[in-house]
Protein backbone atom coordinates (compact mmCIF):
# COMPACT_ATOMS: atom_id res chain seq x y z
CA MET A 1 148.33 97.93 96.18
CA GLU A 2 151.35 95.98 97.08
CA ASN A 3 154.80 96.63 98.44
CA GLY A 4 154.82 100.31 98.16
CA SER A 5 153.66 103.47 99.99
CA VAL A 6 150.08 104.60 99.20
CA GLU A 7 148.73 108.00 100.04
CA ILE A 8 145.01 108.77 99.55
CA TYR A 9 144.06 112.45 99.37
CA GLY A 10 140.82 112.31 97.48
CA GLU A 11 137.74 110.14 97.62
CA VAL A 12 137.59 106.37 97.13
CA GLU A 13 134.31 104.66 96.17
CA GLY A 14 134.84 101.07 97.43
CA GLU A 15 137.28 99.11 99.43
CA VAL A 16 141.04 99.74 99.93
CA HIS A 17 143.27 96.76 100.31
CA ASN A 18 146.92 97.14 101.28
CA HIS A 19 149.23 94.11 101.42
CA GLY A 20 152.49 95.73 102.43
CA GLY A 21 154.04 99.11 102.79
CA ALA A 22 152.65 102.25 104.33
CA LEU A 23 149.05 103.36 103.84
CA LYS A 24 148.21 106.92 104.58
CA ILE A 25 144.66 108.18 104.30
CA TYR A 26 143.91 111.93 104.28
CA GLY A 27 140.63 111.94 102.35
CA ARG A 28 137.51 109.85 102.24
CA VAL A 29 137.06 106.11 101.76
CA ASN A 30 133.42 105.00 101.30
CA GLY A 31 134.18 101.32 101.90
CA SER A 32 136.29 99.29 104.34
CA VAL A 33 140.00 99.40 104.66
CA TYR A 34 142.01 96.10 104.75
CA LYS A 35 145.52 96.68 106.15
CA GLY A 36 148.27 94.17 105.49
CA ALA A 37 151.67 94.00 106.90
CA GLY A 38 152.58 97.73 106.66
CA MET A 39 151.75 100.64 108.84
CA ILE A 40 148.51 102.71 108.46
CA VAL A 41 148.23 106.38 109.08
CA ILE A 42 144.76 108.05 109.20
CA HIS A 43 144.73 111.73 109.36
CA PRO A 44 142.20 113.21 111.91
CA THR A 45 140.13 114.79 109.20
CA ALA A 46 139.91 111.58 107.18
CA LEU A 47 136.51 109.79 106.84
CA ILE A 48 136.24 106.01 106.69
CA GLY A 49 132.81 104.76 105.71
CA GLY A 50 133.42 101.09 106.72
CA LYS A 51 135.58 99.09 109.05
CA ILE A 52 139.33 98.91 109.28
CA TYR A 53 140.70 95.32 109.31
């Protein structure tokens, strides 16, 4: 995803790459999260299966 706000409420199988804009995670990500230039918000109930870069 590029240059926009992304909100994840469900489940993602694999990695999430964000190159700009806000990334908000409320659900489950079974891979790593690669954050770009934007901000990242992880809800306390979210589950991240990998690392956050």
